[in-house]
Protein backbone atom coordinates (compact mmCIF):
# COMPACT_ATOMS: atom_id res chain seq x y z
CA MET A 1 54.98 -136.92 136.30
CA THR A 2 54.89 -133.17 136.48
CA ARG A 3 52.83 -131.58 139.07
CA ASP A 4 51.98 -128.26 140.83
CA THR A 5 55.10 -126.48 142.94
CA ILE A 6 52.81 -124.17 144.12
CA SER A 7 48.96 -124.26 145.34
CA LEU A 8 46.71 -121.59 143.97
CA VAL A 9 46.49 -119.82 147.68
CA ASP A 10 49.93 -119.25 147.65
CA ALA A 11 50.14 -118.21 144.33
CA CYS A 12 47.62 -114.96 145.03
CA GLN A 13 50.19 -114.03 148.17
CA ASP A 14 52.46 -111.64 146.47
CA VAL A 15 53.33 -109.92 143.24
CA TRP A 16 54.88 -112.10 140.54
CA ASP A 17 57.37 -110.53 138.23
CA ILE A 18 56.25 -112.01 135.60
CA VAL A 19 53.28 -114.76 135.12
CA VAL A 20 53.19 -117.12 131.77
CA VAL A 21 49.68 -118.24 130.68
CA GLY A 22 50.27 -121.19 128.70
CA ALA A 23 53.06 -124.29 129.29
CA GLY A 24 53.41 -124.58 125.18
CA LEU A 25 57.04 -124.34 123.92
CA SER A 26 57.01 -120.70 123.64
CA GLY A 27 55.35 -120.17 126.80
CA THR A 28 57.32 -122.37 128.60
CA ILE A 29 60.85 -121.23 127.14
CA ALA A 30 59.86 -117.79 128.04
CA ALA A 31 59.29 -119.22 131.75
CA ARG A 32 62.64 -121.03 131.79
CA GLU A 33 64.59 -117.92 130.49
CA ALA A 34 62.99 -114.99 132.48
CA ALA A 35 63.60 -117.44 135.51
CA ARG A 36 67.56 -118.17 134.53
CA LEU A 37 67.65 -114.12 134.18
CA GLY A 38 65.96 -113.20 137.74
CA SER A 39 62.43 -112.62 137.89
CA ARG A 40 60.23 -114.27 139.73
CA VAL A 41 58.32 -116.15 137.42
CA LEU A 42 54.68 -118.16 137.50
CA LEU A 43 53.49 -120.41 134.71
CA VAL A 44 50.01 -120.78 134.61
CA GLU A 45 48.44 -124.53 132.50
CA LYS A 46 44.83 -125.15 132.17
CA SER A 47 45.60 -128.85 131.04
CA THR A 48 47.40 -131.60 133.46
CA PHE A 49 50.16 -132.98 131.91
CA PRO A 50 51.23 -135.28 130.09
CA ARG A 51 48.79 -134.45 127.07
CA ARG A 52 48.71 -134.98 123.98
CA LYS A 53 49.02 -131.51 121.33
CA VAL A 54 47.82 -131.11 117.99
CA CYS A 55 51.18 -131.34 116.40
CA GLY A 56 53.49 -133.30 113.61
CA CYS A 57 55.91 -133.11 116.10
CA PHE A 58 59.09 -132.87 113.91
CA LEU A 59 61.87 -130.35 115.61
CA ASN A 60 63.64 -128.97 112.53
CA ALA A 61 67.54 -128.18 112.15
CA ASN A 62 66.64 -125.12 113.20
CA ALA A 63 64.83 -126.26 115.92
CA LEU A 64 67.48 -128.32 116.97
CA ALA A 65 69.80 -125.55 116.84
CA SER A 66 67.79 -123.46 119.25
CA LEU A 67 67.77 -126.38 121.70
CA THR A 68 71.45 -126.64 121.59
CA GLN A 69 71.71 -122.54 121.90
CA LEU A 70 69.19 -122.97 125.42
CA ASP A 71 71.60 -126.17 126.55
CA LEU A 72 68.34 -127.83 126.20
CA SER A 73 70.08 -130.88 123.27
CA HIS A 74 70.74 -133.09 125.72
CA LEU A 75 66.49 -133.89 126.59
CA LEU A 76 66.91 -135.17 122.66
CA VAL A 77 69.60 -137.63 124.25
CA ALA A 78 67.17 -138.80 127.16
CA ALA A 79 63.88 -139.37 124.60
CA GLU A 80 66.10 -141.24 122.58
CA ALA A 81 64.30 -139.12 119.67
CA PRO A 82 65.16 -141.00 116.54
CA SER A 83 66.63 -138.81 113.95
CA VAL A 84 64.68 -137.35 111.01
CA ARG A 85 66.95 -136.70 107.35
CA GLY A 86 64.50 -136.59 105.11
CA VAL A 87 60.70 -136.27 103.80
CA PHE A 88 58.16 -137.97 101.28
CA ILE A 89 55.73 -136.47 99.50
CA SER A 90 52.99 -137.52 96.88
CA ALA A 91 50.30 -134.95 95.16
CA GLY A 92 47.54 -137.86 93.40
CA ARG A 93 50.20 -140.71 92.22
CA ARG A 94 52.95 -138.79 91.66
CA GLN A 95 55.48 -138.84 94.88
CA ALA A 96 59.42 -137.26 95.51
CA TYR A 97 62.09 -137.43 98.32
CA LEU A 98 63.52 -134.48 99.57
CA PRO A 99 66.62 -135.00 101.79
CA LEU A 100 66.06 -132.61 104.64
CA PRO A 101 68.98 -130.84 107.24
CA THR A 102 69.13 -133.61 109.78
CA GLY A 103 66.22 -133.12 112.20
CA ALA A 104 64.43 -135.33 115.41
CA ALA A 105 61.29 -137.36 115.80
CA LEU A 106 59.94 -136.09 119.51
CA SER A 107 56.64 -136.55 120.89
CA ARG A 108 54.84 -133.31 122.30
CA HIS A 109 53.49 -135.57 125.33
CA TRP A 110 57.20 -136.18 125.89
CA LEU A 111 58.60 -132.66 125.50
CA ASP A 112 56.19 -130.36 126.97
CA ALA A 113 56.16 -132.16 130.46
CA GLU A 114 60.40 -132.06 129.86
CA LEU A 115 60.40 -128.56 128.90
CA ALA A 116 57.96 -128.06 132.04
CA GLY A 117 60.70 -129.30 134.88
CA GLU A 118 63.52 -127.60 133.60
CA ALA A 119 61.96 -124.56 133.98
CA ILE A 120 61.32 -125.74 137.56
CA ALA A 121 64.13 -126.08 137.65
CA ALA A 122 65.35 -122.78 137.11
CA GLY A 123 63.36 -121.40 139.63
CA VAL A 124 59.50 -121.37 137.79
CA SER A 125 56.71 -122.15 139.82
CA LEU A 126 53.96 -124.07 138.04
CA LEU A 127 50.32 -124.71 138.43
CA LEU A 128 48.36 -127.45 135.91
CA GLY A 129 45.09 -127.65 135.15
CA THR A 130 44.43 -123.96 135.60
CA ALA A 131 42.83 -121.53 133.13
CA ALA A 132 43.76 -117.47 133.62
CA HIS A 133 41.89 -114.68 132.57
CA LEU A 134 43.11 -111.49 132.56
CA VAL A 135 40.79 -109.24 134.85
CA ASP A 136 42.37 -105.56 134.68
CA ARG A 137 45.57 -103.56 134.09
CA ASP A 138 46.54 -100.17 135.37
CA GLU A 139 49.81 -98.31 135.42
CA ASP A 140 52.36 -100.82 137.42
CA HIS A 141 50.38 -104.20 137.54
CA CYS A 142 48.25 -106.80 135.26
CA ARG A 143 45.46 -108.81 137.78
CA LEU A 144 44.46 -112.29 136.18
CA ARG A 145 41.79 -114.41 137.44
CA LEU A 146 43.18 -118.26 138.57
CA ILE A 147 40.06 -121.04 138.29
CA CYS A 148 40.93 -124.47 139.24
CA GLY A 149 37.63 -126.72 139.92
CA ASN A 150 35.14 -124.79 141.82
CA LYS A 151 38.82 -122.51 142.90
CA ILE A 152 39.28 -119.35 142.43
CA VAL A 153 41.59 -116.44 142.73
CA ASP A 154 43.13 -113.19 141.14
CA ILE A 155 47.38 -112.64 141.07
CA CYS A 156 48.59 -109.28 140.28
CA ALA A 157 51.55 -109.53 137.67
CA ARG A 158 53.90 -106.59 136.89
CA ILE A 159 53.89 -108.31 133.28
CA VAL A 160 52.25 -111.12 131.75
CA ILE A 161 53.10 -113.17 128.39
CA ALA A 162 50.98 -114.48 126.69
CA ALA A 163 51.19 -118.04 125.43
CA ASP A 164 47.62 -119.49 125.51
CA GLY A 165 47.67 -120.88 121.97
CA LEU A 166 45.53 -120.67 118.87
CA SER A 167 42.69 -120.47 121.10
CA GLY A 168 44.09 -116.55 121.67
CA GLY A 169 41.76 -115.83 124.97
CA LEU A 170 43.95 -113.53 126.66
CA ALA A 171 44.24 -112.16 123.38
CA ARG A 172 40.49 -111.34 123.24
CA GLU A 173 40.35 -110.06 126.67
CA THR A 174 42.81 -107.60 125.82
CA GLN A 175 41.60 -104.03 125.21
CA GLY A 176 43.39 -102.35 122.17
CA CYS A 177 44.54 -106.50 120.54
CA THR A 178 42.03 -108.03 118.28
CA ARG A 179 42.36 -111.28 117.01
CA THR A 180 41.37 -112.13 113.58
CA ILE A 181 40.88 -115.34 111.07
CA GLN A 182 42.19 -115.73 107.54
CA PRO A 183 39.47 -116.22 105.13
CA HIS A 184 39.13 -120.04 104.30
CA SER A 185 41.85 -120.90 106.92
CA ARG A 186 42.73 -125.22 107.72
CA ILE A 187 41.80 -126.70 110.54
CA GLY A 188 44.47 -128.76 112.09
CA VAL A 189 44.49 -132.04 113.75
CA SER A 190 46.07 -135.45 114.60
CA ALA A 191 46.21 -138.81 116.51
CA ALA A 192 48.56 -141.79 117.10
CA THR A 193 48.69 -145.35 116.03
CA THR A 194 51.00 -147.79 117.36
CA PHE A 195 50.30 -149.30 113.32
CA VAL A 196 53.23 -148.47 111.19
CA PRO A 197 52.46 -149.83 107.51
CA LYS A 198 54.86 -152.21 105.35
CA GLY A 199 56.98 -149.87 103.36
CA TYR A 200 57.14 -146.75 106.19
CA LYS A 201 60.95 -145.45 106.36
CA PRO A 202 61.80 -144.63 109.63
CA GLY A 203 63.74 -141.71 110.20
CA THR A 204 61.23 -139.84 107.38
CA ILE A 205 58.38 -137.93 107.22
CA GLN A 206 55.81 -139.30 105.12
CA MET A 207 52.76 -136.60 103.63
CA SER A 208 50.47 -137.12 101.52
CA VAL A 209 48.89 -133.72 99.80
CA GLY A 210 44.99 -133.75 98.04
CA ARG A 211 42.25 -131.20 97.18
CA ASP A 212 41.09 -131.10 100.95
CA GLY A 213 44.54 -130.70 102.62
CA TYR A 214 47.28 -133.03 103.70
CA ILE A 215 48.87 -134.83 106.34
CA GLY A 216 52.33 -135.34 107.23
CA ILE A 217 52.96 -138.89 109.22
CA LEU A 218 55.88 -139.74 111.38
CA GLN A 219 57.64 -142.12 113.79
CA VAL A 220 58.29 -140.89 117.27
CA GLU A 221 61.07 -141.93 120.32
CA ASP A 222 58.95 -144.54 121.56
CA GLY A 223 57.97 -146.46 118.15
CA HIS A 224 53.94 -144.93 117.62
CA LEU A 225 53.33 -142.86 114.62
CA GLU A 226 51.77 -139.08 114.79
CA ILE A 227 49.68 -138.12 111.71
CA ALA A 228 48.98 -134.86 111.72
CA ALA A 229 46.67 -132.71 108.96
CA SER A 230 45.95 -129.57 107.79
CA LEU A 231 42.05 -129.72 106.30
CA ASP A 232 39.69 -127.63 104.94
CA PRO A 233 36.52 -127.49 107.18
CA ALA A 234 34.05 -127.36 104.56
CA ALA A 235 35.72 -131.24 103.13
CA ILE A 236 35.27 -131.47 106.88
CA ARG A 237 31.05 -130.92 107.03
CA ARG A 238 30.70 -131.97 103.30
CA VAL A 239 31.85 -135.40 104.30
CA GLY A 240 33.12 -136.03 107.44
CA LEU A 241 36.73 -135.94 109.44
CA GLY A 242 36.71 -139.71 108.75
CA GLU A 243 36.45 -139.69 105.14
CA THR A 244 38.56 -136.10 103.86
CA LEU A 245 41.38 -138.06 105.31
CA GLN A 246 40.72 -141.66 103.63
CA ARG A 247 40.03 -139.60 100.41
CA ILE A 248 44.07 -137.76 101.13
CA LEU A 249 45.41 -141.00 101.70
CA GLN A 250 43.96 -143.02 98.86
CA GLN A 251 44.72 -141.54 96.07
CA SER A 252 48.78 -141.12 97.73
CA PRO A 253 51.38 -143.78 96.32
CA LEU A 254 53.74 -143.75 99.93
CA PRO A 255 52.48 -146.76 102.33
CA ARG A 256 48.95 -147.65 102.62
CA PHE A 257 46.98 -146.28 106.03
CA GLU A 258 43.87 -148.13 106.87
CA GLY A 259 41.33 -147.16 109.46
CA VAL A 260 42.51 -144.27 110.25
CA ALA A 261 38.82 -142.42 111.39
CA ALA A 262 38.49 -144.79 113.94
CA LEU A 263 41.83 -143.43 115.35
CA LYS A 264 41.11 -140.92 118.25
CA TRP A 265 41.37 -137.52 116.80
CA GLN A 266 42.21 -134.34 118.34
CA GLY A 267 41.72 -130.66 116.14
CA THR A 268 42.26 -126.74 116.82
CA PRO A 269 40.54 -123.67 116.30
CA PRO A 270 41.29 -122.41 112.27
CA LEU A 271 45.01 -122.23 111.58
CA SER A 272 45.68 -119.34 110.43
CA CYS A 273 45.01 -116.39 112.31
CA GLN A 274 46.99 -113.06 113.54
CA THR A 275 47.29 -110.44 117.18
CA THR A 276 47.34 -107.25 116.47
CA PRO A 277 49.45 -105.83 117.81
CA VAL A 278 51.66 -108.92 120.02
CA ALA A 279 52.07 -106.46 122.83
CA SER A 280 49.77 -104.11 124.25
CA HIS A 281 50.69 -102.10 128.01
CA ARG A 282 52.41 -104.93 130.59
CA ILE A 283 51.05 -107.81 128.17
CA PHE A 284 53.34 -109.41 125.29
CA PHE A 285 52.09 -112.18 122.79
CA VAL A 286 54.29 -115.24 122.28
CA GLY A 287 53.85 -118.49 120.40
CA ASP A 288 50.54 -119.72 118.20
CA ALA A 289 49.12 -116.71 120.88
CA ALA A 290 50.89 -113.87 118.39
CA GLY A 291 49.61 -115.40 115.09
CA TYR A 292 50.09 -118.64 113.13
CA ILE A 293 50.07 -120.11 109.56
CA GLU A 294 50.12 -123.24 108.42
CA PRO A 295 53.53 -125.08 109.23
CA PHE A 296 55.21 -127.16 106.56
CA THR A 297 57.43 -129.11 107.90
CA GLY A 298 58.81 -128.22 111.83
CA GLU A 299 58.56 -124.57 111.07
CA GLY A 300 55.68 -123.71 114.01
CA MET A 301 57.80 -125.27 116.83
CA ALA A 302 61.23 -124.01 115.74
CA TRP A 303 58.90 -120.04 115.92
CA ALA A 304 57.25 -120.76 118.94
CA MET A 305 60.94 -122.00 120.13
CA ALA A 306 62.65 -118.74 119.27
CA SER A 307 59.89 -116.25 119.93
CA GLY A 308 59.95 -117.91 123.87
CA ALA A 309 63.67 -117.58 124.24
CA ALA A 310 63.38 -113.76 122.40
CA ILE A 311 60.66 -112.69 124.46
CA ALA A 312 62.44 -113.44 127.79
CA PRO A 313 65.40 -110.95 128.18
CA ILE A 314 62.51 -108.23 127.44
CA ALA A 315 59.75 -108.95 129.53
CA HIS A 316 62.28 -109.34 132.64
CA GLN A 317 63.40 -105.88 132.44
CA ALA A 318 60.03 -104.12 132.03
CA ALA A 319 59.91 -106.11 135.52
CA SER A 320 61.54 -104.03 136.39
CA ASN A 321 61.74 -101.02 134.28
CA TYR A 322 58.35 -100.78 132.58
CA SER A 323 59.18 -98.47 129.47
CA HIS A 324 56.11 -99.13 126.49
CA GLU A 325 59.27 -98.54 123.97
CA LEU A 326 59.43 -102.50 124.96
CA SER A 327 56.36 -103.23 123.58
CA ARG A 328 57.38 -101.97 120.21
CA ARG A 329 61.03 -103.48 121.00
CA TRP A 330 58.97 -106.83 121.23
CA ILE A 331 56.35 -106.36 117.92
CA ALA A 332 60.25 -105.28 116.31
CA GLU A 333 62.10 -108.21 117.20
CA ARG A 334 59.42 -110.59 116.42
CA ALA A 335 59.38 -109.40 113.08
CA ARG A 336 62.17 -109.89 112.17
CA LEU A 337 62.68 -113.30 113.79
CA LEU A 338 59.72 -114.86 112.14
CA ARG A 339 58.56 -112.57 109.46
CA GLY A 340 60.12 -113.40 106.34
CA ARG A 341 60.09 -117.19 107.58
CA MET A 342 55.90 -117.02 107.67
CA ARG A 343 55.36 -115.49 104.56
CA LEU A 344 57.70 -118.25 102.78
CA CYS A 345 55.83 -120.93 104.46
CA ARG A 346 52.46 -118.94 103.71
CA LEU A 347 53.65 -118.85 99.98
CA VAL A 348 53.68 -122.57 100.00
CA THR A 349 50.88 -124.00 101.77
CA GLN A 350 49.08 -121.75 99.83
CA SER A 351 50.21 -123.36 96.56
CA LEU A 352 49.66 -126.56 97.75
CA ARG A 353 45.99 -125.87 97.64
CA ASN A 354 46.53 -126.34 94.05
CA GLN A 355 45.91 -129.31 93.07
CA ARG A 356 47.90 -129.37 89.18
CA LEU A 357 50.27 -127.22 90.36
CA THR A 358 51.20 -129.95 93.06
CA GLU A 359 51.26 -132.15 91.48
CA LEU A 360 53.47 -130.95 88.75
CA ASN A 361 55.59 -129.70 91.28
CA VAL A 362 55.86 -133.08 92.92
CA SER A 363 56.99 -134.88 89.45
CA VAL A 364 59.17 -131.91 88.78
CA LEU A 365 60.88 -132.88 91.98
CA GLY A 366 60.55 -136.63 91.48
CA HIS A 367 63.22 -136.52 88.85
CA LEU A 368 65.03 -133.53 90.01
CA PRO A 369 65.03 -132.89 94.18
CA PHE A 370 68.04 -130.10 94.06
CA LEU A 371 65.90 -127.68 93.07
CA ALA A 372 63.83 -127.61 96.52
CA GLN A 373 67.53 -127.46 98.67
CA PRO A 374 67.86 -123.49 98.81
CA PHE A 375 64.36 -123.00 99.92
CA ILE A 376 64.97 -125.97 102.56
CA ARG A 377 68.13 -124.62 103.56
CA TRP A 378 66.78 -121.69 104.24
CA LEU A 379 63.68 -122.29 106.47
CA ASN A 380 66.48 -124.61 108.63
CA ARG A 381 68.69 -122.17 109.11
CA PRO A 382 69.22 -121.39 112.85
CA HIS A 383 67.71 -118.87 114.55
CA THR A 384 70.18 -116.48 116.58
CA LEU A 385 68.64 -116.38 120.26
CA PRO A 386 69.91 -114.05 123.17
CA SER A 387 72.32 -115.07 125.06
CA ALA A 388 72.14 -117.19 128.06
CA PRO A 389 72.94 -116.36 131.20
CA GLN A 390 75.88 -117.33 132.82
């Protein structure tokens, strides 16, 4: 079990080079890579491990390439993560099977804890069950308030990496930054079940698209199924979460799930949001905290890994020799990494809201699946990450 490596009292005794807020994929990788470069890093996470995350748990080929570049591919072997080679997609009564470049299925409660262990091994100090708030910034430091139960301390850092997810708390506390939710944004929900319906094919994603959203189902390393959905909040308000999910699944010709309403569901804030700008004086925003759109097949996890690795050398340099040019550098680097991929995913997920168009597209792909391959290959092409320290 992953545990704290430092006490709250000890954390406030010195100035940290970098404090990373949020131990998801982007935050933990950023912390690990910055520590490997020589920075003194504190990683703060409001939850304790192991914990569930609202996530489809699919590591696409791009994400696997990032793990390899980061010398972390052994985690897949240790978990015995099953390979994933295709997606069944349905809309109405139509369905298609689309081959995918080989990816892997790995639950976040396992992956996040193991990545935290890798960060600790690289020299990162970890505080779990601790909330962090930005209190003040001056020319040389940021001051953060850490809250763990009834204990409150203030700490100083030369640089803060905000990786606190869709909630974007630090963005709202940072003067000069705005956190914008896109109109008609959907919300994410997920649950886990040990029930595997007859006809489900291991090593595939099962995706059902309906008028009020879409649902993806994937079997992970220990055999249970992860169910993740992007749903219209208006539909949930109108008929309830369980009924919204059942309506989408009942329309699908894919293997039938019953009793989904009885599962323990976990939700997110609106999925489509943006922090502007993604860097401010001595603070950098990464992962979902910087901005997010609805993903399709594992893109969100791949984006998080790439951005976490890319911010590390910039933050490391900023901790020792800060200049405003480094903020501009991160804004440009994040755009280079993600802008084109996010735009394409936005077009796809927006098109899924048109049920007739989606049914037509799925019908065509059912007969001509090769038409989707250029799009699939483009989204799965590997990111080029900074070279690891020797």
